[in-house]
Amino acid sequence: VGLGSGKAWEELPAAPAPPALIRVSSAAEEAAQELALAEEEAAATELLKLLGSDRATLARFLVQREIARGEGRASLQPIYLMALQAASMYADVHAQCSLYMPLLRAALRALPAAHGPCYRAVLREKSDGSREPLSRYKPGSVVRWMPGTAGTLDFGAAIASLTVSSSATGLSAPKSPAIIFKVRRLLSAREVSEECREVLFLGGPLRVAGIFSLSG
C-alpha cells in the first residue's frame, strides 16, 4: 500500500495524549486513613511505655540491625519492626498486646503467611481447678482467637511450652491435661521470629476439623 508523499504524512493530525487519571479519595476514605494513623501513633506510645527505656533501646538496635542487613522484613516500617520484636522477645509485653494492637495488627498484615502447619499448646486445667471441656472442640465447632495469639511452627516447642506453663501455674506437667492445636489455615498465621519459629495469629474464627488423642 502506498503512503503518498512525506509532506502529506506530516500534515496528519497527532494522536491526542491520553488523559491523566488521578485517584480521588472520598472524604470517608481519607477520614478512615487519618483515624488509622492516629490509632497507630497512640499504639506506638503505649508500646514504648510498656518497654521502658532500656528495652526500647535494645529493640531499636535490633530493628536498625535488621534494616541494615536488608533481609526478610527489612522493608517494613521501623515502628512495625519494633512491635514485632517486642511481642516476640518479652512475654509481659506480648501479654498486653491489646494496648498496642492497631500497631501490631498492621505489622502482622504486612508479613507473608507462615509456611507449614502451626501449633498452639494450651493447658486444660485452669487456675481455679476447673478443666476446659473437650466437647467445646468437637469437629465442626468454631474456635475464636484474639489477634496476637502466639503459636509456633515447631511441634517440639509447643510441647515444651506446656512445661513452662505448668511451672508458672504451679501445676504438675505430667498430670495436667492439655490441648495442642494444629492449625493448617496458614493465612491466619505470621512468622515473627525465624530463630524461635514463633508465629502470631491475626485472630478470628477457626473451624475444628478433628480431635485426636496424644500421649507419651
N, C-alpha and C. Protein backbone atom coordinates (compact mmCIF):
# COMPACT_ATOMS: atom_id res chain seq x y z
N VAL A 1 0.85 -1.18 0.00
CA VAL A 1 0.00 0.00 0.00
C VAL A 1 0.88 1.22 0.00
N GLY A 2 0.63 2.20 -0.91
CA GLY A 2 1.42 3.41 -0.95
C GLY A 2 1.04 4.38 0.14
N LEU A 3 2.05 5.09 0.68
CA LEU A 3 1.80 6.03 1.77
C LEU A 3 1.68 7.46 1.27
N GLY A 4 1.97 7.72 -0.02
CA GLY A 4 1.91 9.09 -0.51
C GLY A 4 3.17 9.85 -0.17
N SER A 5 3.12 11.16 -0.35
CA SER A 5 4.30 11.99 -0.15
C SER A 5 4.58 12.20 1.33
N GLY A 6 5.83 12.56 1.65
CA GLY A 6 6.21 12.82 3.03
C GLY A 6 5.47 14.01 3.60
N LYS A 7 5.21 15.00 2.76
CA LYS A 7 4.52 16.19 3.24
C LYS A 7 3.11 15.88 3.71
N ALA A 8 2.43 15.04 2.94
CA ALA A 8 1.07 14.66 3.34
C ALA A 8 1.08 13.92 4.67
N TRP A 9 2.13 13.12 4.87
CA TRP A 9 2.24 12.35 6.12
C TRP A 9 2.43 13.28 7.30
N GLU A 10 3.22 14.35 7.11
CA GLU A 10 3.47 15.29 8.19
C GLU A 10 2.23 16.08 8.57
N GLU A 11 1.29 16.24 7.60
CA GLU A 11 0.10 17.03 7.86
C GLU A 11 -0.98 16.27 8.63
N LEU A 12 -0.77 14.96 8.84
CA LEU A 12 -1.75 14.19 9.60
C LEU A 12 -1.82 14.69 11.05
N PRO A 13 -2.99 14.79 11.60
CA PRO A 13 -3.09 15.27 12.99
C PRO A 13 -2.47 14.29 13.97
N ALA A 14 -1.78 14.81 14.98
CA ALA A 14 -1.16 13.97 16.00
C ALA A 14 -2.23 13.34 16.90
N ALA A 15 -1.93 12.14 17.32
CA ALA A 15 -2.88 11.46 18.22
C ALA A 15 -2.95 12.20 19.55
N PRO A 16 -4.15 12.39 20.06
CA PRO A 16 -4.26 13.11 21.34
C PRO A 16 -3.62 12.32 22.48
N ALA A 17 -3.01 13.03 23.43
CA ALA A 17 -2.40 12.39 24.60
C ALA A 17 -3.49 11.82 25.49
N PRO A 18 -3.25 10.64 26.06
CA PRO A 18 -4.27 10.07 26.96
C PRO A 18 -4.45 10.93 28.19
N PRO A 19 -5.65 11.04 28.67
CA PRO A 19 -5.88 11.88 29.85
C PRO A 19 -5.21 11.31 31.09
N ALA A 20 -4.65 12.17 31.91
CA ALA A 20 -4.04 11.74 33.16
C ALA A 20 -5.13 11.44 34.17
N LEU A 21 -5.03 10.27 34.78
CA LEU A 21 -6.04 9.84 35.75
C LEU A 21 -5.47 9.95 37.16
N ILE A 22 -6.18 10.58 38.02
CA ILE A 22 -5.78 10.73 39.42
C ILE A 22 -6.87 10.11 40.29
N ARG A 23 -6.44 9.19 41.16
CA ARG A 23 -7.42 8.55 42.03
C ARG A 23 -7.95 9.57 43.03
N VAL A 24 -9.22 9.67 43.09
CA VAL A 24 -9.87 10.61 44.00
C VAL A 24 -10.39 9.84 45.20
N SER A 25 -9.85 10.17 46.36
CA SER A 25 -10.30 9.51 47.58
C SER A 25 -11.53 10.23 48.13
N SER A 26 -12.44 9.46 48.59
CA SER A 26 -13.63 10.07 49.18
C SER A 26 -13.29 10.60 50.56
N ALA A 27 -14.14 11.45 51.05
CA ALA A 27 -13.93 12.01 52.39
C ALA A 27 -13.93 10.92 53.44
N ALA A 28 -14.76 9.90 53.23
CA ALA A 28 -14.81 8.79 54.20
C ALA A 28 -13.50 8.01 54.22
N GLU A 29 -12.91 7.77 53.02
CA GLU A 29 -11.64 7.05 52.95
C GLU A 29 -10.52 7.84 53.61
N GLU A 30 -10.47 9.13 53.37
CA GLU A 30 -9.44 9.97 53.97
C GLU A 30 -9.59 10.00 55.49
N ALA A 31 -10.82 10.08 55.95
CA ALA A 31 -11.06 10.09 57.39
C ALA A 31 -10.64 8.76 58.03
N ALA A 32 -10.91 7.65 57.33
CA ALA A 32 -10.53 6.34 57.84
C ALA A 32 -9.01 6.20 57.91
N GLN A 33 -8.31 6.73 56.90
CA GLN A 33 -6.85 6.67 56.90
C GLN A 33 -6.27 7.51 58.03
N GLU A 34 -6.82 8.69 58.23
CA GLU A 34 -6.35 9.54 59.31
C GLU A 34 -6.60 8.89 60.67
N LEU A 35 -7.75 8.24 60.81
CA LEU A 35 -8.05 7.56 62.07
C LEU A 35 -7.08 6.41 62.31
N ALA A 36 -6.79 5.64 61.26
CA ALA A 36 -5.86 4.51 61.39
C ALA A 36 -4.47 4.99 61.79
N LEU A 37 -4.02 6.10 61.19
CA LEU A 37 -2.71 6.64 61.54
C LEU A 37 -2.68 7.13 62.98
N ALA A 38 -3.76 7.77 63.41
CA ALA A 38 -3.84 8.25 64.79
C ALA A 38 -3.81 7.08 65.77
N GLU A 39 -4.52 6.01 65.44
CA GLU A 39 -4.54 4.83 66.31
C GLU A 39 -3.16 4.18 66.40
N GLU A 40 -2.45 4.14 65.27
CA GLU A 40 -1.11 3.56 65.28
C GLU A 40 -0.15 4.42 66.09
N GLU A 41 -0.27 5.73 66.00
CA GLU A 41 0.59 6.62 66.78
C GLU A 41 0.34 6.45 68.27
N ALA A 42 -0.94 6.35 68.65
CA ALA A 42 -1.27 6.13 70.06
C ALA A 42 -0.76 4.77 70.53
N ALA A 43 -0.88 3.76 69.65
CA ALA A 43 -0.40 2.42 70.00
C ALA A 43 1.12 2.41 70.16
N ALA A 44 1.83 3.16 69.32
CA ALA A 44 3.29 3.24 69.44
C ALA A 44 3.70 3.86 70.78
N THR A 45 2.95 4.86 71.22
CA THR A 45 3.23 5.48 72.52
C THR A 45 3.04 4.48 73.65
N GLU A 46 1.96 3.69 73.58
CA GLU A 46 1.71 2.67 74.61
C GLU A 46 2.80 1.60 74.59
N LEU A 47 3.25 1.23 73.40
CA LEU A 47 4.29 0.21 73.29
C LEU A 47 5.58 0.68 73.96
N LEU A 48 5.96 1.91 73.71
CA LEU A 48 7.19 2.44 74.31
C LEU A 48 7.07 2.52 75.84
N LYS A 49 5.88 2.81 76.33
CA LYS A 49 5.66 2.83 77.78
C LYS A 49 5.85 1.43 78.36
N LEU A 50 5.31 0.41 77.68
CA LEU A 50 5.44 -0.96 78.15
C LEU A 50 6.89 -1.43 78.15
N LEU A 51 7.63 -1.03 77.14
CA LEU A 51 9.01 -1.46 77.02
C LEU A 51 9.92 -0.81 78.06
N GLY A 52 9.71 0.47 78.32
CA GLY A 52 10.65 1.18 79.17
C GLY A 52 11.87 1.58 78.37
N SER A 53 12.71 2.41 78.94
CA SER A 53 13.82 2.98 78.18
C SER A 53 14.85 1.93 77.77
N ASP A 54 15.22 1.03 78.69
CA ASP A 54 16.28 0.06 78.39
C ASP A 54 15.85 -0.92 77.30
N ARG A 55 14.67 -1.50 77.43
CA ARG A 55 14.22 -2.47 76.45
C ARG A 55 13.88 -1.81 75.12
N ALA A 56 13.39 -0.59 75.18
CA ALA A 56 13.12 0.14 73.94
C ALA A 56 14.41 0.41 73.18
N THR A 57 15.50 0.73 73.91
CA THR A 57 16.80 0.94 73.27
C THR A 57 17.29 -0.33 72.60
N LEU A 58 17.15 -1.46 73.27
CA LEU A 58 17.55 -2.74 72.68
C LEU A 58 16.72 -3.06 71.44
N ALA A 59 15.41 -2.84 71.53
CA ALA A 59 14.53 -3.11 70.41
C ALA A 59 14.89 -2.24 69.21
N ARG A 60 15.20 -0.97 69.46
CA ARG A 60 15.61 -0.07 68.37
C ARG A 60 16.89 -0.57 67.71
N PHE A 61 17.84 -1.03 68.53
CA PHE A 61 19.09 -1.55 67.98
C PHE A 61 18.83 -2.75 67.08
N LEU A 62 17.97 -3.67 67.52
CA LEU A 62 17.67 -4.85 66.73
C LEU A 62 16.96 -4.48 65.43
N VAL A 63 16.10 -3.47 65.50
CA VAL A 63 15.41 -3.01 64.29
C VAL A 63 16.41 -2.42 63.31
N GLN A 64 17.32 -1.57 63.81
CA GLN A 64 18.32 -0.97 62.94
C GLN A 64 19.22 -2.03 62.30
N ARG A 65 19.56 -3.06 63.09
CA ARG A 65 20.40 -4.13 62.55
C ARG A 65 19.66 -4.89 61.45
N GLU A 66 18.37 -5.13 61.67
CA GLU A 66 17.59 -5.85 60.67
C GLU A 66 17.46 -5.05 59.38
N ILE A 67 17.26 -3.75 59.50
CA ILE A 67 17.16 -2.90 58.32
C ILE A 67 18.50 -2.85 57.59
N ALA A 68 19.61 -2.78 58.35
CA ALA A 68 20.93 -2.71 57.74
C ALA A 68 21.25 -3.99 56.96
N ARG A 69 20.79 -5.12 57.47
CA ARG A 69 21.03 -6.37 56.77
C ARG A 69 20.23 -6.46 55.47
N GLY A 70 19.09 -5.77 55.45
CA GLY A 70 18.29 -5.74 54.22
C GLY A 70 17.67 -7.06 53.85
N GLU A 71 17.35 -7.88 54.83
CA GLU A 71 16.77 -9.18 54.55
C GLU A 71 15.38 -9.31 55.18
N GLY A 72 14.61 -10.21 54.61
CA GLY A 72 13.31 -10.56 55.22
C GLY A 72 12.38 -9.38 55.39
N ARG A 73 12.22 -8.95 56.64
CA ARG A 73 11.23 -7.94 56.97
C ARG A 73 11.77 -6.51 56.91
N ALA A 74 12.96 -6.33 56.35
CA ALA A 74 13.62 -5.03 56.39
C ALA A 74 12.83 -3.94 55.68
N SER A 75 11.92 -4.31 54.79
CA SER A 75 11.14 -3.31 54.06
C SER A 75 9.99 -2.75 54.89
N LEU A 76 9.70 -3.35 56.04
CA LEU A 76 8.62 -2.86 56.89
C LEU A 76 9.03 -1.55 57.55
N GLN A 77 8.02 -0.78 57.95
CA GLN A 77 8.29 0.45 58.68
C GLN A 77 8.99 0.12 60.00
N PRO A 78 9.95 0.95 60.44
CA PRO A 78 10.68 0.66 61.68
C PRO A 78 9.78 0.43 62.89
N ILE A 79 8.69 1.20 63.01
CA ILE A 79 7.82 1.04 64.16
C ILE A 79 7.09 -0.30 64.11
N TYR A 80 6.81 -0.81 62.91
CA TYR A 80 6.22 -2.14 62.77
C TYR A 80 7.22 -3.20 63.23
N LEU A 81 8.47 -3.04 62.82
CA LEU A 81 9.50 -4.00 63.23
C LEU A 81 9.68 -3.99 64.75
N MET A 82 9.59 -2.81 65.36
CA MET A 82 9.73 -2.74 66.81
C MET A 82 8.58 -3.47 67.50
N ALA A 83 7.37 -3.33 66.98
CA ALA A 83 6.23 -4.03 67.57
C ALA A 83 6.42 -5.54 67.49
N LEU A 84 6.93 -6.03 66.36
CA LEU A 84 7.16 -7.46 66.19
C LEU A 84 8.27 -7.94 67.11
N GLN A 85 9.34 -7.17 67.21
CA GLN A 85 10.45 -7.54 68.10
C GLN A 85 9.98 -7.61 69.55
N ALA A 86 9.23 -6.59 69.97
CA ALA A 86 8.79 -6.52 71.36
C ALA A 86 7.85 -7.66 71.71
N ALA A 87 6.92 -7.96 70.81
CA ALA A 87 5.94 -9.02 71.08
C ALA A 87 6.59 -10.39 71.14
N SER A 88 7.65 -10.60 70.36
CA SER A 88 8.31 -11.91 70.34
C SER A 88 9.36 -12.07 71.42
N MET A 89 9.92 -10.95 71.90
CA MET A 89 11.02 -11.03 72.88
C MET A 89 10.54 -11.01 74.32
N TYR A 90 9.48 -10.28 74.62
CA TYR A 90 9.08 -10.05 76.01
C TYR A 90 7.67 -10.58 76.25
N ALA A 91 7.57 -11.58 77.12
CA ALA A 91 6.28 -12.21 77.39
C ALA A 91 5.30 -11.23 78.00
N ASP A 92 5.79 -10.35 78.88
CA ASP A 92 4.87 -9.42 79.54
C ASP A 92 4.34 -8.38 78.55
N VAL A 93 5.18 -7.99 77.58
CA VAL A 93 4.73 -7.04 76.56
C VAL A 93 3.72 -7.70 75.63
N HIS A 94 3.97 -8.96 75.28
CA HIS A 94 3.02 -9.69 74.44
C HIS A 94 1.69 -9.88 75.16
N ALA A 95 1.74 -10.13 76.47
CA ALA A 95 0.51 -10.36 77.23
C ALA A 95 -0.40 -9.13 77.22
N GLN A 96 0.18 -7.96 77.01
CA GLN A 96 -0.60 -6.72 76.98
C GLN A 96 -0.68 -6.13 75.57
N CYS A 97 -0.63 -7.01 74.57
CA CYS A 97 -0.61 -6.52 73.19
C CYS A 97 -1.91 -5.81 72.80
N SER A 98 -2.97 -5.99 73.58
CA SER A 98 -4.21 -5.27 73.28
C SER A 98 -4.02 -3.76 73.38
N LEU A 99 -3.01 -3.32 74.17
CA LEU A 99 -2.77 -1.89 74.33
C LEU A 99 -2.15 -1.27 73.08
N TYR A 100 -1.46 -2.07 72.29
CA TYR A 100 -0.85 -1.54 71.05
C TYR A 100 -1.29 -2.37 69.85
N MET A 101 -2.49 -2.94 69.92
CA MET A 101 -2.98 -3.84 68.88
C MET A 101 -3.06 -3.19 67.50
N PRO A 102 -3.51 -1.92 67.35
CA PRO A 102 -3.55 -1.34 66.00
C PRO A 102 -2.20 -1.40 65.31
N LEU A 103 -1.14 -1.20 66.07
CA LEU A 103 0.22 -1.24 65.51
C LEU A 103 0.63 -2.67 65.19
N LEU A 104 0.37 -3.58 66.11
CA LEU A 104 0.76 -4.98 65.90
C LEU A 104 -0.04 -5.60 64.75
N ARG A 105 -1.32 -5.29 64.67
CA ARG A 105 -2.15 -5.84 63.59
C ARG A 105 -1.65 -5.37 62.22
N ALA A 106 -1.30 -4.10 62.13
CA ALA A 106 -0.79 -3.57 60.86
C ALA A 106 0.54 -4.23 60.50
N ALA A 107 1.37 -4.47 61.51
CA ALA A 107 2.66 -5.12 61.25
C ALA A 107 2.46 -6.56 60.79
N LEU A 108 1.55 -7.28 61.42
CA LEU A 108 1.31 -8.67 61.04
C LEU A 108 0.74 -8.78 59.63
N ARG A 109 -0.14 -7.87 59.28
CA ARG A 109 -0.74 -7.90 57.94
C ARG A 109 0.28 -7.62 56.85
N ALA A 110 1.37 -6.95 57.22
CA ALA A 110 2.41 -6.65 56.24
C ALA A 110 3.35 -7.83 56.01
N LEU A 111 3.25 -8.86 56.84
CA LEU A 111 4.12 -10.04 56.71
C LEU A 111 3.46 -11.10 55.84
N PRO A 112 4.26 -11.93 55.18
CA PRO A 112 3.68 -13.05 54.42
C PRO A 112 3.17 -14.13 55.37
N ALA A 113 2.29 -14.97 54.87
CA ALA A 113 1.75 -16.06 55.68
C ALA A 113 2.86 -17.04 56.04
N ALA A 114 2.72 -17.70 57.19
CA ALA A 114 3.70 -18.68 57.63
C ALA A 114 3.68 -19.90 56.72
N HIS A 115 4.81 -20.62 56.68
CA HIS A 115 4.93 -21.82 55.85
C HIS A 115 4.93 -23.05 56.76
N GLY A 116 4.01 -23.96 56.51
CA GLY A 116 3.94 -25.18 57.30
C GLY A 116 2.90 -25.08 58.39
N PRO A 117 2.45 -26.21 58.93
CA PRO A 117 1.43 -26.19 59.99
C PRO A 117 1.94 -25.50 61.25
N CYS A 118 1.02 -24.85 61.96
CA CYS A 118 1.36 -24.14 63.20
C CYS A 118 0.71 -24.86 64.38
N TYR A 119 1.33 -24.72 65.53
CA TYR A 119 0.86 -25.41 66.73
C TYR A 119 0.70 -24.41 67.88
N ARG A 120 -0.31 -24.67 68.69
CA ARG A 120 -0.52 -23.88 69.90
C ARG A 120 -0.92 -24.83 71.02
N ALA A 121 -0.18 -24.79 72.11
CA ALA A 121 -0.44 -25.68 73.24
C ALA A 121 -1.12 -24.90 74.37
N VAL A 122 -2.19 -25.45 74.92
CA VAL A 122 -2.95 -24.80 75.98
C VAL A 122 -3.28 -25.83 77.05
N LEU A 123 -3.01 -25.48 78.31
CA LEU A 123 -3.39 -26.36 79.41
C LEU A 123 -4.90 -26.34 79.59
N ARG A 124 -5.47 -27.51 79.78
CA ARG A 124 -6.92 -27.59 80.00
C ARG A 124 -7.28 -27.19 81.42
N GLU A 125 -6.39 -27.45 82.36
CA GLU A 125 -6.68 -27.15 83.75
C GLU A 125 -6.45 -25.68 84.04
N LYS A 126 -7.45 -25.01 84.60
CA LYS A 126 -7.37 -23.60 84.89
C LYS A 126 -6.87 -23.37 86.31
N SER A 127 -6.58 -22.13 86.63
CA SER A 127 -6.05 -21.80 87.95
C SER A 127 -7.05 -22.08 89.07
N ASP A 128 -8.36 -22.08 88.76
CA ASP A 128 -9.36 -22.34 89.78
C ASP A 128 -9.66 -23.84 89.94
N GLY A 129 -8.91 -24.69 89.22
CA GLY A 129 -9.09 -26.13 89.34
C GLY A 129 -10.04 -26.74 88.33
N SER A 130 -10.80 -25.93 87.62
CA SER A 130 -11.72 -26.46 86.61
C SER A 130 -10.96 -26.81 85.34
N ARG A 131 -11.61 -27.60 84.48
CA ARG A 131 -10.97 -28.03 83.25
C ARG A 131 -11.78 -27.57 82.04
N GLU A 132 -11.04 -27.26 80.98
CA GLU A 132 -11.68 -26.90 79.72
C GLU A 132 -12.33 -28.13 79.12
N PRO A 133 -13.63 -28.14 78.88
CA PRO A 133 -14.29 -29.34 78.33
C PRO A 133 -13.90 -29.59 76.88
N LEU A 134 -13.57 -30.85 76.59
CA LEU A 134 -13.20 -31.19 75.22
C LEU A 134 -14.39 -31.08 74.27
N SER A 135 -15.60 -31.15 74.80
CA SER A 135 -16.79 -31.05 73.96
C SER A 135 -16.86 -29.71 73.24
N ARG A 136 -16.15 -28.75 73.78
CA ARG A 136 -16.13 -27.43 73.15
C ARG A 136 -15.43 -27.47 71.80
N TYR A 137 -14.58 -28.48 71.62
CA TYR A 137 -13.77 -28.56 70.41
C TYR A 137 -14.16 -29.74 69.53
N LYS A 138 -15.41 -30.12 69.54
CA LYS A 138 -15.85 -31.21 68.68
C LYS A 138 -15.74 -30.78 67.22
N PRO A 139 -15.51 -31.75 66.29
CA PRO A 139 -15.37 -31.41 64.88
C PRO A 139 -16.56 -30.59 64.37
N GLY A 140 -16.23 -29.53 63.66
CA GLY A 140 -17.25 -28.64 63.12
C GLY A 140 -17.48 -27.41 63.96
N SER A 141 -17.03 -27.45 65.22
CA SER A 141 -17.20 -26.27 66.07
C SER A 141 -16.21 -25.18 65.67
N VAL A 142 -16.47 -23.98 66.11
CA VAL A 142 -15.66 -22.83 65.73
C VAL A 142 -14.93 -22.29 66.96
N VAL A 143 -13.63 -22.10 66.81
CA VAL A 143 -12.79 -21.53 67.86
C VAL A 143 -12.40 -20.12 67.44
N ARG A 144 -12.50 -19.20 68.35
CA ARG A 144 -12.12 -17.81 68.05
C ARG A 144 -10.93 -17.41 68.92
N TRP A 145 -9.89 -16.93 68.27
CA TRP A 145 -8.70 -16.46 68.97
C TRP A 145 -8.55 -14.96 68.80
N MET A 146 -8.00 -14.35 69.82
CA MET A 146 -7.76 -12.91 69.78
C MET A 146 -6.59 -12.61 68.84
N PRO A 147 -6.58 -11.47 68.18
CA PRO A 147 -5.41 -11.08 67.39
C PRO A 147 -4.16 -11.05 68.27
N GLY A 148 -3.05 -11.55 67.74
CA GLY A 148 -1.82 -11.59 68.51
C GLY A 148 -1.61 -12.86 69.29
N THR A 149 -2.54 -13.82 69.20
CA THR A 149 -2.37 -15.11 69.88
C THR A 149 -1.11 -15.79 69.34
N ALA A 150 -0.29 -16.32 70.27
CA ALA A 150 1.01 -16.87 69.89
C ALA A 150 0.94 -18.36 69.61
N GLY A 151 1.79 -18.80 68.70
CA GLY A 151 1.92 -20.22 68.36
C GLY A 151 3.33 -20.47 67.87
N THR A 152 3.56 -21.63 67.30
CA THR A 152 4.89 -21.98 66.82
C THR A 152 4.80 -22.91 65.62
N LEU A 153 5.85 -22.90 64.81
CA LEU A 153 5.95 -23.84 63.69
C LEU A 153 6.64 -25.13 64.11
N ASP A 154 7.12 -25.16 65.35
CA ASP A 154 7.87 -26.30 65.88
C ASP A 154 7.01 -27.08 66.87
N PHE A 155 6.66 -28.33 66.52
CA PHE A 155 5.82 -29.13 67.40
C PHE A 155 6.51 -29.37 68.74
N GLY A 156 7.81 -29.60 68.72
CA GLY A 156 8.55 -29.81 69.96
C GLY A 156 8.50 -28.60 70.87
N ALA A 157 8.56 -27.41 70.28
CA ALA A 157 8.48 -26.18 71.08
C ALA A 157 7.11 -26.04 71.72
N ALA A 158 6.07 -26.49 71.01
CA ALA A 158 4.72 -26.44 71.58
C ALA A 158 4.61 -27.36 72.80
N ILE A 159 5.21 -28.56 72.70
CA ILE A 159 5.22 -29.48 73.83
C ILE A 159 6.00 -28.89 75.00
N ALA A 160 7.16 -28.31 74.70
CA ALA A 160 7.99 -27.73 75.76
C ALA A 160 7.30 -26.58 76.47
N SER A 161 6.47 -25.84 75.74
CA SER A 161 5.79 -24.71 76.36
C SER A 161 4.81 -25.14 77.43
N LEU A 162 4.34 -26.39 77.37
CA LEU A 162 3.43 -26.88 78.40
C LEU A 162 4.13 -26.98 79.74
N THR A 163 5.40 -27.37 79.73
CA THR A 163 6.18 -27.45 80.96
C THR A 163 6.34 -26.07 81.58
N VAL A 164 6.61 -25.07 80.73
CA VAL A 164 6.75 -23.70 81.22
C VAL A 164 5.44 -23.21 81.79
N SER A 165 4.33 -23.49 81.10
CA SER A 165 3.02 -23.06 81.57
C SER A 165 2.66 -23.73 82.88
N SER A 166 3.00 -25.01 83.01
CA SER A 166 2.70 -25.74 84.23
C SER A 166 3.48 -25.17 85.41
N SER A 167 4.75 -24.82 85.17
CA SER A 167 5.56 -24.24 86.24
C SER A 167 5.02 -22.89 86.67
N ALA A 168 4.53 -22.11 85.70
CA ALA A 168 4.01 -20.78 86.00
C ALA A 168 2.72 -20.84 86.80
N THR A 169 1.93 -21.89 86.58
CA THR A 169 0.64 -22.00 87.28
C THR A 169 0.72 -22.91 88.50
N GLY A 170 1.89 -23.52 88.74
CA GLY A 170 2.04 -24.40 89.89
C GLY A 170 1.45 -25.77 89.69
N LEU A 171 1.15 -26.15 88.45
CA LEU A 171 0.58 -27.46 88.17
C LEU A 171 1.69 -28.44 87.80
N SER A 172 1.40 -29.72 87.97
CA SER A 172 2.35 -30.75 87.60
C SER A 172 2.19 -31.08 86.13
N ALA A 173 3.25 -30.89 85.35
CA ALA A 173 3.15 -31.05 83.90
C ALA A 173 2.64 -32.40 83.46
N PRO A 174 3.15 -33.54 84.04
CA PRO A 174 2.66 -34.84 83.57
C PRO A 174 1.20 -35.08 83.87
N LYS A 175 0.67 -34.45 84.93
CA LYS A 175 -0.70 -34.70 85.34
C LYS A 175 -1.67 -33.64 84.82
N SER A 176 -1.17 -32.64 84.14
CA SER A 176 -2.02 -31.56 83.66
C SER A 176 -2.42 -31.82 82.22
N PRO A 177 -3.68 -32.17 81.96
CA PRO A 177 -4.11 -32.40 80.58
C PRO A 177 -4.03 -31.11 79.77
N ALA A 178 -3.73 -31.27 78.51
CA ALA A 178 -3.55 -30.10 77.65
C ALA A 178 -4.14 -30.37 76.29
N ILE A 179 -4.29 -29.31 75.53
CA ILE A 179 -4.76 -29.38 74.15
C ILE A 179 -3.68 -28.76 73.27
N ILE A 180 -3.32 -29.46 72.21
CA ILE A 180 -2.39 -28.92 71.24
C ILE A 180 -3.14 -28.71 69.93
N PHE A 181 -3.27 -27.48 69.54
CA PHE A 181 -3.96 -27.15 68.30
C PHE A 181 -2.98 -27.23 67.13
N LYS A 182 -3.39 -27.89 66.08
CA LYS A 182 -2.63 -27.91 64.83
C LYS A 182 -3.42 -27.10 63.81
N VAL A 183 -2.86 -25.99 63.40
CA VAL A 183 -3.56 -25.06 62.52
C VAL A 183 -3.01 -25.20 61.11
N ARG A 184 -3.89 -25.57 60.20
CA ARG A 184 -3.48 -25.73 58.81
C ARG A 184 -3.92 -24.55 57.94
N ARG A 185 -4.72 -23.67 58.51
CA ARG A 185 -5.15 -22.47 57.78
C ARG A 185 -4.08 -21.40 57.95
N LEU A 186 -3.04 -21.49 57.15
CA LEU A 186 -1.85 -20.68 57.37
C LEU A 186 -2.04 -19.20 57.04
N LEU A 187 -3.11 -18.87 56.33
CA LEU A 187 -3.33 -17.46 56.01
C LEU A 187 -3.53 -16.62 57.27
N SER A 188 -3.87 -17.27 58.38
CA SER A 188 -4.12 -16.54 59.62
C SER A 188 -2.88 -16.41 60.49
N ALA A 189 -1.74 -17.01 60.09
CA ALA A 189 -0.53 -17.00 60.91
C ALA A 189 0.59 -16.24 60.22
N ARG A 190 1.36 -15.51 61.03
CA ARG A 190 2.52 -14.77 60.53
C ARG A 190 3.74 -15.12 61.38
N GLU A 191 4.86 -15.43 60.71
CA GLU A 191 6.08 -15.78 61.43
C GLU A 191 6.79 -14.51 61.88
N VAL A 192 6.95 -14.35 63.20
CA VAL A 192 7.56 -13.13 63.73
C VAL A 192 8.97 -13.34 64.23
N SER A 193 9.41 -14.60 64.37
CA SER A 193 10.77 -14.89 64.81
C SER A 193 11.26 -16.11 64.06
N GLU A 194 12.23 -15.90 63.16
CA GLU A 194 12.76 -17.02 62.39
C GLU A 194 13.60 -17.94 63.27
N GLU A 195 14.29 -17.38 64.28
CA GLU A 195 15.13 -18.19 65.15
C GLU A 195 14.30 -19.13 66.01
N CYS A 196 13.23 -18.60 66.62
CA CYS A 196 12.39 -19.41 67.51
C CYS A 196 11.21 -20.04 66.77
N ARG A 197 11.03 -19.67 65.51
CA ARG A 197 9.93 -20.17 64.69
C ARG A 197 8.57 -19.82 65.32
N GLU A 198 8.53 -18.69 65.98
CA GLU A 198 7.30 -18.23 66.63
C GLU A 198 6.38 -17.57 65.62
N VAL A 199 5.08 -17.80 65.77
CA VAL A 199 4.09 -17.16 64.92
C VAL A 199 3.08 -16.44 65.80
N LEU A 200 2.47 -15.42 65.23
CA LEU A 200 1.34 -14.75 65.86
C LEU A 200 0.17 -14.83 64.89
N PHE A 201 -1.00 -15.10 65.42
CA PHE A 201 -2.19 -15.25 64.59
C PHE A 201 -2.91 -13.92 64.46
N LEU A 202 -3.51 -13.71 63.31
CA LEU A 202 -4.27 -12.49 63.06
C LEU A 202 -5.58 -12.46 63.86
N GLY A 203 -5.98 -13.62 64.35
CA GLY A 203 -7.23 -13.69 65.10
C GLY A 203 -8.41 -14.01 64.20
N GLY A 204 -9.54 -14.27 64.82
CA GLY A 204 -10.73 -14.60 64.05
C GLY A 204 -11.13 -16.05 64.22
N PRO A 205 -12.13 -16.51 63.49
CA PRO A 205 -12.67 -17.86 63.67
C PRO A 205 -11.83 -18.93 62.96
N LEU A 206 -11.70 -20.07 63.62
CA LEU A 206 -11.07 -21.26 63.04
C LEU A 206 -12.00 -22.45 63.29
N ARG A 207 -12.22 -23.25 62.27
CA ARG A 207 -13.12 -24.40 62.41
C ARG A 207 -12.33 -25.66 62.76
N VAL A 208 -12.83 -26.41 63.75
CA VAL A 208 -12.18 -27.65 64.19
C VAL A 208 -12.46 -28.74 63.16
N ALA A 209 -11.37 -29.33 62.62
CA ALA A 209 -11.51 -30.39 61.63
C ALA A 209 -11.51 -31.78 62.26
N GLY A 210 -10.89 -31.92 63.42
CA GLY A 210 -10.83 -33.23 64.07
C GLY A 210 -10.16 -33.10 65.42
N ILE A 211 -10.32 -34.12 66.27
CA ILE A 211 -9.69 -34.14 67.59
C ILE A 211 -9.12 -35.54 67.80
N PHE A 212 -7.86 -35.59 68.26
CA PHE A 212 -7.15 -36.86 68.38
C PHE A 212 -6.48 -36.95 69.74
N SER A 213 -6.30 -38.16 70.22
CA SER A 213 -5.62 -38.40 71.50
C SER A 213 -4.13 -38.39 71.29
N LEU A 214 -3.40 -37.74 72.22
CA LEU A 214 -1.95 -37.66 72.16
C LEU A 214 -1.41 -37.96 73.55
N SER A 215 -0.55 -38.95 73.66
CA SER A 215 0.02 -39.31 74.96
C SER A 215 1.48 -39.63 74.78
N GLY A 216 2.18 -39.71 75.92
CA GLY A 216 3.59 -40.05 75.88
C GLY A 216 4.46 -38.83 76.12
